């Protein structure tokens, strides 16, 4: 499945389906009001947890993004690990003109 499903904890019903990845989603984490996903499509996506809109798509890995982590809800960066042996770090997208931007505030990589 290439989607992310959001479930209501009380009713146990699916309340939202997030679409955007073109391959299976392998990893999820949260940071500063964002859900972050990593996929076999080699991308990392940031989703706004209030609107569930995709507010950032980050590319740079050459293989599937297998793991994501941050140092907590107030973290400045999310770190991604890929099957290609690289580690990426990503900052939350910065809103521009009152709307969420798909541009990164900062990104970087370390290879094998």
Foldseek 3Di string as FASTA:
>chain_A
DQWDFDADPPVRDTDDIQHDGPAHWAEWDAAQQWIWTWFQSQWIWTARNVVRHTQAIDHDDPGTFHYWDAPDHHGQWIWTQGPQAKIKIFGAFDDDPPHRHHDTPDMDMDHD
